[in-house]
Amino acid sequence: MSKFSPKEFAPYARKFYSNQKNENIELAWRYAWLHHQNHNKHHWEYWVVNKQTKEALPMPKKYMIEMVCDWRSFSRKWGRKVKDSNLVERMVNSNNIILHPDTREELERFIRKK
């Protein structure tokens, strides 16, 4: 629940619920987003050990499932309703996310179950 922490709450509120937009608000939100990713186990970024070598620790299944739910809810929130398999498949096959091979394999199995 780090979104309710002082480091995240105000920047998120200004970014998503204020009519005011400027560079300072955007920068504060970017720091808040980085904090959120690095303090919440349902974000793949939390498990990355080395970005350069693309090394990550295995993600426990409960956080992997929470991550998929988060992807789904975020896509619905912003008007991009998608099927589970399409979204998960796109994310798993993306070169933009770093996952431990076991986590990637588990996500792929999850996709096939759907």
C-alpha atoms as a PDB file:
ATOM      1  CA  MET A   1       0.000   0.000   0.000  1.00  0.00           C
ATOM      2  CA  SER A   2       2.874   2.343  -0.689  1.00  0.00           C
ATOM      3  CA  LYS A   3       0.582   4.522  -2.835  1.00  0.00           C
ATOM      4  CA  PHE A   4      -0.706   5.981   0.441  1.00  0.00           C
ATOM      5  CA  SER A   5       2.807   6.853   1.635  1.00  0.00           C
ATOM      6  CA  PRO A   6       3.960  10.488   1.603  1.00  0.00           C
ATOM      7  CA  LYS A   7       6.455   9.692  -1.182  1.00  0.00           C
ATOM      8  CA  GLU A   8       3.685   8.519  -3.511  1.00  0.00           C
ATOM      9  CA  PHE A   9       0.257   9.844  -2.549  1.00  0.00           C
ATOM     10  CA  ALA A  10       0.615  13.556  -3.369  1.00  0.00           C
ATOM     11  CA  PRO A  11       2.573  13.057  -6.623  1.00  0.00           C
ATOM     12  CA  TYR A  12      -0.002  10.501  -7.838  1.00  0.00           C
ATOM     13  CA  ALA A  13      -2.893  12.801  -6.883  1.00  0.00           C
ATOM     14  CA  ARG A  14      -1.337  15.772  -8.708  1.00  0.00           C
ATOM     15  CA  LYS A  15      -0.520  13.719 -11.812  1.00  0.00           C
ATOM     16  CA  PHE A  16      -3.885  11.973 -12.200  1.00  0.00           C
ATOM     17  CA  TYR A  17      -6.458  14.181 -10.461  1.00  0.00           C
ATOM     18  CA  SER A  18      -5.266  17.759 -10.902  1.00  0.00           C
ATOM     19  CA  ASN A  19      -6.054  20.065 -13.794  1.00  0.00           C
ATOM     20  CA  GLN A  20      -2.611  21.549 -13.377  1.00  0.00           C
ATOM     21  CA  LYS A  21       0.172  20.000 -15.495  1.00  0.00           C
ATOM     22  CA  ASN A  22       3.824  21.011 -15.486  1.00  0.00           C
ATOM     23  CA  GLU A  23       7.356  19.590 -15.460  1.00  0.00           C
ATOM     24  CA  ASN A  24       7.620  19.595 -11.654  1.00  0.00           C
ATOM     25  CA  ILE A  25       4.434  17.548 -11.267  1.00  0.00           C
ATOM     26  CA  GLU A  26       5.639  15.084 -13.904  1.00  0.00           C
ATOM     27  CA  LEU A  27       9.093  14.762 -12.313  1.00  0.00           C
ATOM     28  CA  ALA A  28       7.616  14.255  -8.824  1.00  0.00           C
ATOM     29  CA  TRP A  29       5.343  11.547 -10.222  1.00  0.00           C
ATOM     30  CA  ARG A  30       8.269   9.812 -11.942  1.00  0.00           C
ATOM     31  CA  TYR A  31      10.103   9.630  -8.605  1.00  0.00           C
ATOM     32  CA  ALA A  32       6.924   8.340  -6.936  1.00  0.00           C
ATOM     33  CA  TRP A  33       6.496   5.716  -9.665  1.00  0.00           C
ATOM     34  CA  LEU A  34      10.111   4.577  -9.256  1.00  0.00           C
ATOM     35  CA  HIS A  35       9.559   4.333  -5.492  1.00  0.00           C
ATOM     36  CA  HIS A  36       6.387   2.312  -6.076  1.00  0.00           C
ATOM     37  CA  GLN A  37       8.065  -0.150  -8.437  1.00  0.00           C
ATOM     38  CA  ASN A  38      10.985  -0.714  -6.092  1.00  0.00           C
ATOM     39  CA  HIS A  39       8.885  -1.145  -2.932  1.00  0.00           C
ATOM     40  CA  ASN A  40       6.103  -3.424  -4.205  1.00  0.00           C
ATOM     41  CA  LYS A  41       6.746  -7.084  -4.919  1.00  0.00           C
ATOM     42  CA  HIS A  42       4.044  -7.295  -7.589  1.00  0.00           C
ATOM     43  CA  HIS A  43       6.199  -5.177  -9.914  1.00  0.00           C
ATOM     44  CA  TRP A  44       8.774  -7.041 -11.963  1.00  0.00           C
ATOM     45  CA  GLU A  45      11.234  -4.173 -11.381  1.00  0.00           C
ATOM     46  CA  TYR A  46      11.376  -5.114  -7.692  1.00  0.00           C
ATOM     47  CA  TRP A  47      13.062  -8.417  -8.618  1.00  0.00           C
ATOM     48  CA  VAL A  48      15.691  -7.034 -11.017  1.00  0.00           C
ATOM     49  CA  VAL A  49      19.228  -7.539  -9.729  1.00  0.00           C
ATOM     50  CA  ASN A  50      21.125  -6.088 -12.685  1.00  0.00           C
ATOM     51  CA  LYS A  51      19.494  -4.192 -15.559  1.00  0.00           C
ATOM     52  CA  GLN A  52      22.599  -4.323 -17.756  1.00  0.00           C
ATOM     53  CA  THR A  53      22.853  -8.123 -17.653  1.00  0.00           C
ATOM     54  CA  LYS A  54      19.049  -8.509 -17.463  1.00  0.00           C
ATOM     55  CA  GLU A  55      19.369 -10.595 -14.301  1.00  0.00           C
ATOM     56  CA  ALA A  56      16.330 -11.013 -12.067  1.00  0.00           C
ATOM     57  CA  LEU A  57      15.367 -13.149  -9.113  1.00  0.00           C
ATOM     58  CA  PRO A  58      12.455 -15.576  -9.436  1.00  0.00           C
ATOM     59  CA  MET A  59       9.129 -13.932  -8.601  1.00  0.00           C
ATOM     60  CA  PRO A  60       6.934 -15.912  -6.199  1.00  0.00           C
ATOM     61  CA  LYS A  61       3.685 -17.038  -7.818  1.00  0.00           C
ATOM     62  CA  LYS A  62       1.446 -14.899  -5.572  1.00  0.00           C
ATOM     63  CA  TYR A  63       3.223 -11.714  -6.721  1.00  0.00           C
ATOM     64  CA  MET A  64       3.216 -12.867 -10.332  1.00  0.00           C
ATOM     65  CA  ILE A  65      -0.574 -13.274 -10.172  1.00  0.00           C
ATOM     66  CA  GLU A  66      -0.903  -9.895  -8.467  1.00  0.00           C
ATOM     67  CA  MET A  67       1.211  -8.363 -11.256  1.00  0.00           C
ATOM     68  CA  VAL A  68      -1.103  -9.785 -13.926  1.00  0.00           C
ATOM     69  CA  CYS A  69      -4.128  -8.439 -12.029  1.00  0.00           C
ATOM     70  CA  ASP A  70      -2.418  -5.050 -11.827  1.00  0.00           C
ATOM     71  CA  TRP A  71      -1.774  -5.038 -15.587  1.00  0.00           C
ATOM     72  CA  ARG A  72      -5.420  -5.882 -16.204  1.00  0.00           C
ATOM     73  CA  SER A  73      -6.806  -3.278 -13.829  1.00  0.00           C
ATOM     74  CA  PHE A  74      -4.530  -0.556 -15.169  1.00  0.00           C
ATOM     75  CA  SER A  75      -5.562  -1.296 -18.751  1.00  0.00           C
ATOM     76  CA  ARG A  76      -9.242  -1.074 -17.752  1.00  0.00           C
ATOM     77  CA  LYS A  77      -8.697   2.124 -15.781  1.00  0.00           C
ATOM     78  CA  TRP A  78      -7.248   3.867 -18.821  1.00  0.00           C
ATOM     79  CA  GLY A  79      -9.789   2.553 -21.318  1.00  0.00           C
ATOM     80  CA  ARG A  80      -7.786  -0.208 -22.932  1.00  0.00           C
ATOM     81  CA  LYS A  81      -9.862  -3.284 -22.125  1.00  0.00           C
ATOM     82  CA  VAL A  82      -7.930  -6.328 -23.206  1.00  0.00           C
ATOM     83  CA  LYS A  83      -8.198 -10.085 -22.906  1.00  0.00           C
ATOM     84  CA  ASP A  84      -5.980 -11.680 -20.256  1.00  0.00           C
ATOM     85  CA  SER A  85      -4.016 -13.771 -22.722  1.00  0.00           C
ATOM     86  CA  ASN A  86      -3.308 -10.887 -25.114  1.00  0.00           C
ATOM     87  CA  LEU A  87      -2.036  -8.591 -22.393  1.00  0.00           C
ATOM     88  CA  VAL A  88      -0.018 -11.180 -20.524  1.00  0.00           C
ATOM     89  CA  GLU A  89       1.432 -12.601 -23.718  1.00  0.00           C
ATOM     90  CA  ARG A  90       2.430  -9.133 -24.902  1.00  0.00           C
ATOM     91  CA  MET A  91       4.077  -8.315 -21.581  1.00  0.00           C
ATOM     92  CA  VAL A  92       5.840 -11.678 -21.212  1.00  0.00           C
ATOM     93  CA  ASN A  93       7.211 -11.526 -24.753  1.00  0.00           C
ATOM     94  CA  SER A  94       8.277  -7.907 -24.423  1.00  0.00           C
ATOM     95  CA  ASN A  95      11.983  -7.140 -24.454  1.00  0.00           C
ATOM     96  CA  ASN A  96      11.186  -4.221 -22.171  1.00  0.00           C
ATOM     97  CA  ILE A  97      10.636  -6.284 -19.040  1.00  0.00           C
ATOM     98  CA  ILE A  98      13.266  -8.298 -17.217  1.00  0.00           C
ATOM     99  CA  LEU A  99      12.086 -11.570 -15.724  1.00  0.00           C
ATOM    100  CA  HIS A 100      13.867 -14.576 -14.289  1.00  0.00           C
ATOM    101  CA  PRO A 101      13.521 -17.473 -16.767  1.00  0.00           C
ATOM    102  CA  ASP A 102      11.432 -19.444 -14.229  1.00  0.00           C
ATOM    103  CA  THR A 103       9.059 -16.497 -13.804  1.00  0.00           C
ATOM    104  CA  ARG A 104       8.717 -16.058 -17.564  1.00  0.00           C
ATOM    105  CA  GLU A 105       8.021 -19.781 -17.936  1.00  0.00           C
ATOM    106  CA  GLU A 106       5.403 -19.671 -15.157  1.00  0.00           C
ATOM    107  CA  LEU A 107       3.708 -16.697 -16.839  1.00  0.00           C
ATOM    108  CA  GLU A 108       3.671 -18.563 -20.141  1.00  0.00           C
ATOM    109  CA  ARG A 109       2.021 -21.556 -18.419  1.00  0.00           C
ATOM    110  CA  PHE A 110      -0.498 -19.149 -16.917  1.00  0.00           C
ATOM    111  CA  ILE A 111      -1.291 -17.842 -20.415  1.00  0.00           C
ATOM    112  CA  ARG A 112      -1.851 -21.336 -21.774  1.00  0.00           C
ATOM    113  CA  LYS A 113      -4.322 -22.133 -18.961  1.00  0.00           C
ATOM    114  CA  LYS A 114      -6.601 -19.279 -19.989  1.00  0.00           C
END
